[in-house]
Amino acid sequence: MNQLEVLRESLGQCDEIILDALLMRNRIVEDIMVYKEAHDLPVLQPEQEAKQRGWLEARMEGRRHKKEVNDVFASITQNSKRIQSRNLFNYNIFLIGFMGAGKSTISDYLKNALAMDVVEMDQCIVERQGMSISDIFETYGEEYFRELETNLLIEMQSQSNVVVSCGGGVPMRERNVTEMKKNGRVVLLTAKPQTILDRVKDNHDRPLLENNKNVDFIGDLMEKRRPKYEAAADIIIETDGKTELEICEELIHRLRESDGNK
């Protein structure tokens, strides 16, 4: 056996060790999830991820291949998050609520915390149509836009474990609610009218609010939509005065609780 063959055999042995370690690590991730649920512990613990990054930084200080090793561990961390999210949700999560209620913020947080895929309905439609929502309304009318929303929800039937951030008008159509319920849970995020105004006042891509950015108008429109929103929701979460972590932890806990009662 020449030196190259010896080196390749050593490399293969390393691969075996890595594979066994990864399989063991994945099992431990699942065991941790079981333990957390059994003891009613928070699922999202960002401090643990920060601790791991600190450990890795200290171990790799001054070493060769630091970037490559960091890339590998980043991938391992992402895969661990995916294992967690699949154990938590074998369905899609549809975030509904008035514009500015926090749907995009919470979907982004879940994307980072649990490595879940995210579909921003408004953004997806804008990209596909090649024009802003305001321009779609002006050019084709609201009904055309609403059909685009429904068709996108139908597309989501082929996916699971995805967070879908819905436009504010999505739950107003009963058919949309039916499509969401087929393979998902509907989470209503709420906020006070003043909070909504504070969040959207500098945004100019909200056709319904562009010339009506005041608390009274927002409050009236929210009240008109409230019955449809609440009828569509599996759970309702108030977002005022809560951090993204608190909202997402509540979302996870209450969905798991709801799943257990079904």
C-alpha atoms as a PDB file:
ATOM      1  CA  MET A   1       0.000   0.000   0.000  1.00  0.00           C
ATOM      2  CA  ASN A   2       1.544   3.282  -1.091  1.00  0.00           C
ATOM      3  CA  GLN A   3       1.377   6.518   0.883  1.00  0.00           C
ATOM      4  CA  LEU A   4      -1.609   7.886  -1.100  1.00  0.00           C
ATOM      5  CA  GLU A   5      -3.651   4.788  -0.336  1.00  0.00           C
ATOM      6  CA  VAL A   6      -2.715   5.048   3.345  1.00  0.00           C
ATOM      7  CA  LEU A   7      -3.810   8.683   3.429  1.00  0.00           C
ATOM      8  CA  ARG A   8      -7.082   7.864   1.712  1.00  0.00           C
ATOM      9  CA  GLU A   9      -7.753   5.062   4.180  1.00  0.00           C
ATOM     10  CA  SER A  10      -7.090   7.461   7.054  1.00  0.00           C
ATOM     11  CA  LEU A  11      -9.478   9.961   5.460  1.00  0.00           C
ATOM     12  CA  GLY A  12     -12.140   7.278   5.182  1.00  0.00           C
ATOM     13  CA  GLN A  13     -11.714   6.447   8.873  1.00  0.00           C
ATOM     14  CA  CYS A  14     -12.191  10.118   9.697  1.00  0.00           C
ATOM     15  CA  ASP A  15     -15.397  10.147   7.628  1.00  0.00           C
ATOM     16  CA  GLU A  16     -16.698   7.143   9.572  1.00  0.00           C
ATOM     17  CA  ILE A  17     -16.009   8.927  12.859  1.00  0.00           C
ATOM     18  CA  ILE A  18     -17.690  12.111  11.634  1.00  0.00           C
ATOM     19  CA  LEU A  19     -20.740  10.207  10.359  1.00  0.00           C
ATOM     20  CA  ASP A  20     -21.183   8.294  13.622  1.00  0.00           C
ATOM     21  CA  ALA A  21     -20.773  11.519  15.616  1.00  0.00           C
ATOM     22  CA  LEU A  22     -23.351  13.353  13.478  1.00  0.00           C
ATOM     23  CA  LEU A  23     -25.890  10.548  13.830  1.00  0.00           C
ATOM     24  CA  MET A  24     -25.344  10.537  17.586  1.00  0.00           C
ATOM     25  CA  ARG A  25     -25.642  14.321  17.729  1.00  0.00           C
ATOM     26  CA  ASN A  26     -28.941  14.257  15.821  1.00  0.00           C
ATOM     27  CA  ARG A  27     -30.344  11.671  18.223  1.00  0.00           C
ATOM     28  CA  ILE A  28     -29.325  13.851  21.148  1.00  0.00           C
ATOM     29  CA  VAL A  29     -31.067  16.855  19.558  1.00  0.00           C
ATOM     30  CA  GLU A  30     -34.264  14.791  19.386  1.00  0.00           C
ATOM     31  CA  ASP A  31     -33.801  13.637  22.992  1.00  0.00           C
ATOM     32  CA  ILE A  32     -33.410  17.256  24.097  1.00  0.00           C
ATOM     33  CA  MET A  33     -36.689  18.126  22.355  1.00  0.00           C
ATOM     34  CA  VAL A  34     -38.453  15.289  24.172  1.00  0.00           C
ATOM     35  CA  TYR A  35     -36.996  16.400  27.504  1.00  0.00           C
ATOM     36  CA  LYS A  36     -38.009  20.035  26.970  1.00  0.00           C
ATOM     37  CA  GLU A  37     -41.570  19.041  26.142  1.00  0.00           C
ATOM     38  CA  ALA A  38     -41.812  16.639  29.081  1.00  0.00           C
ATOM     39  CA  HIS A  39     -40.607  19.319  31.504  1.00  0.00           C
ATOM     40  CA  ASP A  40     -42.407  22.249  29.837  1.00  0.00           C
ATOM     41  CA  LEU A  41     -39.142  24.080  29.097  1.00  0.00           C
ATOM     42  CA  PRO A  42     -38.691  26.816  26.457  1.00  0.00           C
ATOM     43  CA  VAL A  43     -37.904  25.406  23.021  1.00  0.00           C
ATOM     44  CA  LEU A  44     -35.997  28.435  21.793  1.00  0.00           C
ATOM     45  CA  GLN A  45     -32.842  29.057  23.777  1.00  0.00           C
ATOM     46  CA  PRO A  46     -30.652  31.454  21.760  1.00  0.00           C
ATOM     47  CA  GLU A  47     -28.175  31.650  24.622  1.00  0.00           C
ATOM     48  CA  GLN A  48     -27.173  28.039  23.903  1.00  0.00           C
ATOM     49  CA  GLU A  49     -26.349  28.887  20.299  1.00  0.00           C
ATOM     50  CA  ALA A  50     -24.328  31.895  21.452  1.00  0.00           C
ATOM     51  CA  LYS A  51     -22.496  29.647  23.914  1.00  0.00           C
ATOM     52  CA  GLN A  52     -21.618  27.202  21.122  1.00  0.00           C
ATOM     53  CA  ARG A  53     -20.317  30.028  18.916  1.00  0.00           C
ATOM     54  CA  GLY A  54     -18.144  31.259  21.772  1.00  0.00           C
ATOM     55  CA  TRP A  55     -16.782  27.776  22.374  1.00  0.00           C
ATOM     56  CA  LEU A  56     -15.966  27.297  18.701  1.00  0.00           C
ATOM     57  CA  GLU A  57     -14.318  30.707  18.440  1.00  0.00           C
ATOM     58  CA  ALA A  58     -12.084  29.903  21.404  1.00  0.00           C
ATOM     59  CA  ARG A  59     -11.172  26.440  20.099  1.00  0.00           C
ATOM     60  CA  MET A  60     -10.318  27.689  16.607  1.00  0.00           C
ATOM     61  CA  GLU A  61      -8.372  30.790  17.641  1.00  0.00           C
ATOM     62  CA  GLY A  62      -5.168  30.905  15.594  1.00  0.00           C
ATOM     63  CA  ARG A  63      -5.819  27.542  13.920  1.00  0.00           C
ATOM     64  CA  ARG A  64      -5.696  26.667  10.242  1.00  0.00           C
ATOM     65  CA  HIS A  65      -8.936  26.142   8.319  1.00  0.00           C
ATOM     66  CA  LYS A  66     -10.911  28.268  10.770  1.00  0.00           C
ATOM     67  CA  LYS A  67     -13.327  29.472   8.090  1.00  0.00           C
ATOM     68  CA  GLU A  68     -13.912  25.968   6.757  1.00  0.00           C
ATOM     69  CA  VAL A  69     -14.572  24.573  10.227  1.00  0.00           C
ATOM     70  CA  ASN A  70     -16.908  27.460  11.029  1.00  0.00           C
ATOM     71  CA  ASP A  71     -18.834  26.736   7.820  1.00  0.00           C
ATOM     72  CA  VAL A  72     -19.218  23.081   8.800  1.00  0.00           C
ATOM     73  CA  PHE A  73     -20.484  23.930  12.281  1.00  0.00           C
ATOM     74  CA  ALA A  74     -22.885  26.514  10.851  1.00  0.00           C
ATOM     75  CA  SER A  75     -24.341  23.783   8.650  1.00  0.00           C
ATOM     76  CA  ILE A  76     -24.566  21.395  11.602  1.00  0.00           C
ATOM     77  CA  THR A  77     -26.409  24.033  13.610  1.00  0.00           C
ATOM     78  CA  GLN A  78     -28.853  24.679  10.767  1.00  0.00           C
ATOM     79  CA  ASN A  79     -29.572  20.980  10.420  1.00  0.00           C
ATOM     80  CA  SER A  80     -30.186  20.690  14.161  1.00  0.00           C
ATOM     81  CA  LYS A  81     -32.714  23.512  13.892  1.00  0.00           C
ATOM     82  CA  ARG A  82     -34.427  21.742  11.003  1.00  0.00           C
ATOM     83  CA  ILE A  83     -34.702  18.571  13.072  1.00  0.00           C
ATOM     84  CA  GLN A  84     -36.306  20.592  15.851  1.00  0.00           C
ATOM     85  CA  SER A  85     -38.764  22.344  13.536  1.00  0.00           C
ATOM     86  CA  ARG A  86     -39.815  19.103  11.844  1.00  0.00           C
ATOM     87  CA  ASN A  87     -40.413  17.531  15.245  1.00  0.00           C
ATOM     88  CA  LEU A  88     -42.493  20.542  16.243  1.00  0.00           C
ATOM     89  CA  PHE A  89     -44.485  21.117  13.067  1.00  0.00           C
ATOM     90  CA  ASN A  90     -45.340  18.638  10.320  1.00  0.00           C
ATOM     91  CA  TYR A  91     -47.571  21.277   8.775  1.00  0.00           C
ATOM     92  CA  ASN A  92     -47.371  24.879   7.571  1.00  0.00           C
ATOM     93  CA  ILE A  93     -47.845  27.881   9.844  1.00  0.00           C
ATOM     94  CA  PHE A  94     -49.936  30.690   8.351  1.00  0.00           C
ATOM     95  CA  LEU A  95     -49.446  34.030  10.070  1.00  0.00           C
ATOM     96  CA  ILE A  96     -52.419  36.335   9.616  1.00  0.00           C
ATOM     97  CA  GLY A  97     -53.293  39.737  10.995  1.00  0.00           C
ATOM     98  CA  PHE A  98     -53.620  43.376  10.133  1.00  0.00           C
ATOM     99  CA  MET A  99     -50.745  45.026   8.268  1.00  0.00           C
ATOM    100  CA  GLY A 100     -48.043  45.904  10.765  1.00  0.00           C
ATOM    101  CA  ALA A 101     -49.121  43.257  13.292  1.00  0.00           C
ATOM    102  CA  GLY A 102     -45.668  41.650  13.122  1.00  0.00           C
ATOM    103  CA  LYS A 103     -46.126  38.834  10.599  1.00  0.00           C
ATOM    104  CA  SER A 104     -42.900  39.510   8.687  1.00  0.00           C
ATOM    105  CA  THR A 105     -40.915  40.049  11.872  1.00  0.00           C
ATOM    106  CA  ILE A 106     -42.075  36.786  13.420  1.00  0.00           C
ATOM    107  CA  SER A 107     -41.628  34.776  10.226  1.00  0.00           C
ATOM    108  CA  ASP A 108     -38.031  36.056   9.988  1.00  0.00           C
ATOM    109  CA  TYR A 109     -37.406  35.091  13.603  1.00  0.00           C
ATOM    110  CA  LEU A 110     -38.735  31.567  13.051  1.00  0.00           C
ATOM    111  CA  LYS A 111     -36.598  31.303   9.922  1.00  0.00           C
ATOM    112  CA  ASN A 112     -33.477  32.065  11.946  1.00  0.00           C
ATOM    113  CA  ALA A 113     -34.422  30.215  15.123  1.00  0.00           C
ATOM    114  CA  LEU A 114     -35.738  26.991  13.550  1.00  0.00           C
ATOM    115  CA  ALA A 115     -34.337  27.109  10.004  1.00  0.00           C
ATOM    116  CA  MET A 116     -37.871  27.079   8.603  1.00  0.00           C
ATOM    117  CA  ASP A 117     -38.576  28.108   5.035  1.00  0.00           C
ATOM    118  CA  VAL A 118     -40.559  31.339   4.777  1.00  0.00           C
ATOM    119  CA  VAL A 119     -42.981  32.533   2.118  1.00  0.00           C
ATOM    120  CA  GLU A 120     -43.863  36.227   2.237  1.00  0.00           C
ATOM    121  CA  MET A 121     -47.036  36.287   0.181  1.00  0.00           C
ATOM    122  CA  ASP A 122     -46.908  39.967  -0.740  1.00  0.00           C
ATOM    123  CA  GLN A 123     -43.238  39.798  -1.644  1.00  0.00           C
ATOM    124  CA  CYS A 124     -43.728  36.628  -3.672  1.00  0.00           C
ATOM    125  CA  ILE A 125     -46.580  38.171  -5.653  1.00  0.00           C
ATOM    126  CA  VAL A 126     -44.622  41.381  -6.243  1.00  0.00           C
ATOM    127  CA  GLU A 127     -41.629  39.428  -7.555  1.00  0.00           C
ATOM    128  CA  ARG A 128     -43.755  37.268  -9.841  1.00  0.00           C
ATOM    129  CA  GLN A 129     -45.762  40.178 -11.233  1.00  0.00           C
ATOM    130  CA  GLY A 130     -42.788  42.487 -11.550  1.00  0.00           C
ATOM    131  CA  MET A 131     -44.649  45.396  -9.996  1.00  0.00           C
ATOM    132  CA  SER A 132     -45.586  46.743  -6.586  1.00  0.00           C
ATOM    133  CA  ILE A 133     -48.849  45.883  -4.876  1.00  0.00           C
ATOM    134  CA  SER A 134     -50.009  49.454  -5.394  1.00  0.00           C
ATOM    135  CA  ASP A 135     -49.348  49.120  -9.124  1.00  0.00           C
ATOM    136  CA  ILE A 136     -51.146  45.755  -9.259  1.00  0.00           C
ATOM    137  CA  PHE A 137     -54.198  47.334  -7.629  1.00  0.00           C
ATOM    138  CA  GLU A 138     -54.095  50.285 -10.001  1.00  0.00           C
ATOM    139  CA  THR A 139     -53.470  48.262 -13.155  1.00  0.00           C
ATOM    140  CA  TYR A 140     -55.575  45.140 -12.631  1.00  0.00           C
ATOM    141  CA  GLY A 141     -57.798  45.867  -9.648  1.00  0.00           C
ATOM    142  CA  GLU A 142     -58.130  44.347  -6.195  1.00  0.00           C
ATOM    143  CA  GLU A 143     -59.993  41.221  -7.343  1.00  0.00           C
ATOM    144  CA  TYR A 144     -57.053  40.227  -9.560  1.00  0.00           C
ATOM    145  CA  PHE A 145     -54.686  40.603  -6.620  1.00  0.00           C
ATOM    146  CA  ARG A 146     -56.962  38.506  -4.387  1.00  0.00           C
ATOM    147  CA  GLU A 147     -56.955  35.715  -6.973  1.00  0.00           C
ATOM    148  CA  LEU A 148     -53.166  35.752  -6.947  1.00  0.00           C
ATOM    149  CA  GLU A 149     -53.265  35.301  -3.163  1.00  0.00           C
ATOM    150  CA  THR A 150     -55.640  32.332  -3.405  1.00  0.00           C
ATOM    151  CA  ASN A 151     -53.568  30.649  -6.111  1.00  0.00           C
ATOM    152  CA  LEU A 152     -50.433  31.010  -4.002  1.00  0.00           C
ATOM    153  CA  LEU A 153     -52.167  29.365  -1.035  1.00  0.00           C
ATOM    154  CA  ILE A 154     -53.160  26.462  -3.275  1.00  0.00           C
ATOM    155  CA  GLU A 155     -49.502  26.071  -4.262  1.00  0.00           C
ATOM    156  CA  MET A 156     -48.603  25.693  -0.597  1.00  0.00           C
ATOM    157  CA  GLN A 157     -50.521  22.395  -0.442  1.00  0.00           C
ATOM    158  CA  SER A 158     -47.417  20.624  -1.780  1.00  0.00           C
ATOM    159  CA  GLN A 159     -45.207  21.882   1.061  1.00  0.00           C
ATOM    160  CA  SER A 160     -44.973  21.495   4.818  1.00  0.00           C
ATOM    161  CA  ASN A 161     -43.004  22.995   7.699  1.00  0.00           C
ATOM    162  CA  VAL A 162     -43.146  26.404   6.015  1.00  0.00           C
ATOM    163  CA  VAL A 163     -43.999  29.731   7.640  1.00  0.00           C
ATOM    164  CA  VAL A 164     -46.351  31.705   5.399  1.00  0.00           C
ATOM    165  CA  SER A 165     -46.705  35.406   6.138  1.00  0.00           C
ATOM    166  CA  CYS A 166     -50.114  36.328   4.723  1.00  0.00           C
ATOM    167  CA  GLY A 167     -51.255  39.669   3.420  1.00  0.00           C
ATOM    168  CA  GLY A 168     -53.758  41.500   5.595  1.00  0.00           C
ATOM    169  CA  GLY A 169     -56.717  40.705   3.336  1.00  0.00           C
ATOM    170  CA  VAL A 170     -56.069  36.971   2.940  1.00  0.00           C
ATOM    171  CA  PRO A 171     -58.395  35.721   5.737  1.00  0.00           C
ATOM    172  CA  MET A 172     -61.292  37.804   4.408  1.00  0.00           C
ATOM    173  CA  ARG A 173     -61.911  35.129   1.761  1.00  0.00           C
ATOM    174  CA  GLU A 174     -63.449  31.935   3.119  1.00  0.00           C
ATOM    175  CA  ARG A 175     -61.799  29.923   0.371  1.00  0.00           C
ATOM    176  CA  ASN A 176     -58.399  31.155   1.525  1.00  0.00           C
ATOM    177  CA  VAL A 177     -59.106  29.966   5.045  1.00  0.00           C
ATOM    178  CA  THR A 178     -60.152  26.571   3.689  1.00  0.00           C
ATOM    179  CA  GLU A 179     -56.884  26.292   1.745  1.00  0.00           C
ATOM    180  CA  MET A 180     -54.799  27.250   4.775  1.00  0.00           C
ATOM    181  CA  LYS A 181     -56.545  24.721   7.009  1.00  0.00           C
ATOM    182  CA  LYS A 182     -55.847  21.857   4.608  1.00  0.00           C
ATOM    183  CA  ASN A 183     -52.223  21.535   5.652  1.00  0.00           C
ATOM    184  CA  GLY A 184     -51.569  24.185   8.258  1.00  0.00           C
ATOM    185  CA  ARG A 185     -52.402  26.043  11.419  1.00  0.00           C
ATOM    186  CA  VAL A 186     -53.526  29.657  11.334  1.00  0.00           C
ATOM    187  CA  VAL A 187     -51.952  32.038  13.846  1.00  0.00           C
ATOM    188  CA  LEU A 188     -53.518  35.470  14.297  1.00  0.00           C
ATOM    189  CA  LEU A 189     -51.124  38.187  15.462  1.00  0.00           C
ATOM    190  CA  THR A 190     -52.781  41.258  16.942  1.00  0.00           C
ATOM    191  CA  ALA A 191     -51.638  44.717  18.006  1.00  0.00           C
ATOM    192  CA  LYS A 192     -53.249  47.945  19.128  1.00  0.00           C
ATOM    193  CA  PRO A 193     -54.107  50.545  16.426  1.00  0.00           C
ATOM    194  CA  GLN A 194     -51.448  52.937  17.752  1.00  0.00           C
ATOM    195  CA  THR A 195     -48.850  50.186  17.552  1.00  0.00           C
ATOM    196  CA  ILE A 196     -49.890  49.444  13.974  1.00  0.00           C
ATOM    197  CA  LEU A 197     -49.596  53.117  13.049  1.00  0.00           C
ATOM    198  CA  ASP A 198     -46.144  53.364  14.589  1.00  0.00           C
ATOM    199  CA  ARG A 199     -45.006  50.368  12.564  1.00  0.00           C
ATOM    200  CA  VAL A 200     -46.411  51.342   9.153  1.00  0.00           C
ATOM    201  CA  LYS A 201     -46.296  55.138   9.131  1.00  0.00           C
ATOM    202  CA  ASP A 202     -43.136  55.276   7.024  1.00  0.00           C
ATOM    203  CA  ASN A 203     -44.199  52.512   4.628  1.00  0.00           C
ATOM    204  CA  HIS A 204     -45.707  53.608   1.305  1.00  0.00           C
ATOM    205  CA  ASP A 205     -46.633  50.213  -0.132  1.00  0.00           C
ATOM    206  CA  ARG A 206     -49.927  49.842   1.741  1.00  0.00           C
ATOM    207  CA  PRO A 207     -52.663  50.935  -0.706  1.00  0.00           C
ATOM    208  CA  LEU A 208     -55.462  50.800   1.844  1.00  0.00           C
ATOM    209  CA  LEU A 209     -53.588  53.008   4.313  1.00  0.00           C
ATOM    210  CA  GLU A 210     -51.575  55.351   2.121  1.00  0.00           C
ATOM    211  CA  ASN A 211     -53.881  58.334   2.628  1.00  0.00           C
ATOM    212  CA  ASN A 212     -55.411  57.182   5.905  1.00  0.00           C
ATOM    213  CA  LYS A 213     -52.537  56.804   8.321  1.00  0.00           C
ATOM    214  CA  ASN A 214     -54.309  57.607  11.565  1.00  0.00           C
ATOM    215  CA  VAL A 215     -55.434  55.660  14.602  1.00  0.00           C
ATOM    216  CA  ASP A 216     -59.176  56.085  13.978  1.00  0.00           C
ATOM    217  CA  PHE A 217     -59.081  54.737  10.424  1.00  0.00           C
ATOM    218  CA  ILE A 218     -56.821  51.838  11.397  1.00  0.00           C
ATOM    219  CA  GLY A 219     -58.992  51.011  14.407  1.00  0.00           C
ATOM    220  CA  ASP A 220     -62.187  51.010  12.320  1.00  0.00           C
ATOM    221  CA  LEU A 221     -60.686  48.808   9.604  1.00  0.00           C
ATOM    222  CA  MET A 222     -59.273  46.412  12.190  1.00  0.00           C
ATOM    223  CA  GLU A 223     -62.682  46.120  13.820  1.00  0.00           C
ATOM    224  CA  LYS A 224     -64.325  45.365  10.469  1.00  0.00           C
ATOM    225  CA  ARG A 225     -61.837  42.579   9.844  1.00  0.00           C
ATOM    226  CA  ARG A 226     -61.735  41.210  13.381  1.00  0.00           C
ATOM    227  CA  PRO A 227     -64.634  38.696  13.076  1.00  0.00           C
ATOM    228  CA  LYS A 228     -63.108  37.101   9.949  1.00  0.00           C
ATOM    229  CA  TYR A 229     -59.636  37.065  11.461  1.00  0.00           C
ATOM    230  CA  GLU A 230     -60.757  35.444  14.689  1.00  0.00           C
ATOM    231  CA  ALA A 231     -62.945  32.910  12.889  1.00  0.00           C
ATOM    232  CA  ALA A 232     -59.948  31.818  10.786  1.00  0.00           C
ATOM    233  CA  ALA A 233     -57.472  31.582  13.674  1.00  0.00           C
ATOM    234  CA  ASP A 234     -56.441  28.432  15.477  1.00  0.00           C
ATOM    235  CA  ILE A 235     -54.665  30.577  18.061  1.00  0.00           C
ATOM    236  CA  ILE A 236     -54.476  34.329  18.733  1.00  0.00           C
ATOM    237  CA  ILE A 237     -51.350  36.052  20.048  1.00  0.00           C
ATOM    238  CA  GLU A 238     -51.122  39.662  21.173  1.00  0.00           C
ATOM    239  CA  THR A 239     -47.788  41.180  20.161  1.00  0.00           C
ATOM    240  CA  ASP A 240     -47.822  44.488  22.047  1.00  0.00           C
ATOM    241  CA  GLY A 241     -44.989  44.805  24.565  1.00  0.00           C
ATOM    242  CA  LYS A 242     -43.440  41.422  23.752  1.00  0.00           C
ATOM    243  CA  THR A 243     -40.083  40.541  22.238  1.00  0.00           C
ATOM    244  CA  GLU A 244     -39.815  38.384  19.128  1.00  0.00           C
ATOM    245  CA  LEU A 245     -38.502  35.551  21.299  1.00  0.00           C
ATOM    246  CA  GLU A 246     -41.466  35.781  23.681  1.00  0.00           C
ATOM    247  CA  ILE A 247     -43.974  35.823  20.815  1.00  0.00           C
ATOM    248  CA  CYS A 248     -42.368  32.844  19.060  1.00  0.00           C
ATOM    249  CA  GLU A 249     -42.086  30.849  22.270  1.00  0.00           C
ATOM    250  CA  GLU A 250     -45.766  31.491  22.972  1.00  0.00           C
ATOM    251  CA  LEU A 251     -46.613  30.503  19.399  1.00  0.00           C
ATOM    252  CA  ILE A 252     -44.737  27.198  19.710  1.00  0.00           C
ATOM    253  CA  HIS A 253     -46.187  26.385  23.125  1.00  0.00           C
ATOM    254  CA  ARG A 254     -49.768  27.119  22.158  1.00  0.00           C
ATOM    255  CA  LEU A 255     -49.602  25.286  18.826  1.00  0.00           C
ATOM    256  CA  ARG A 256     -48.186  22.217  20.560  1.00  0.00           C
ATOM    257  CA  GLU A 257     -50.897  22.505  23.175  1.00  0.00           C
ATOM    258  CA  SER A 258     -53.541  22.836  20.459  1.00  0.00           C
ATOM    259  CA  ASP A 259     -52.133  19.840  18.566  1.00  0.00           C
ATOM    260  CA  GLY A 260     -52.287  17.776  21.739  1.00  0.00           C
ATOM    261  CA  ASN A 261     -55.967  18.539  22.136  1.00  0.00           C
ATOM    262  CA  LYS A 262     -56.886  17.418  18.624  1.00  0.00           C
END
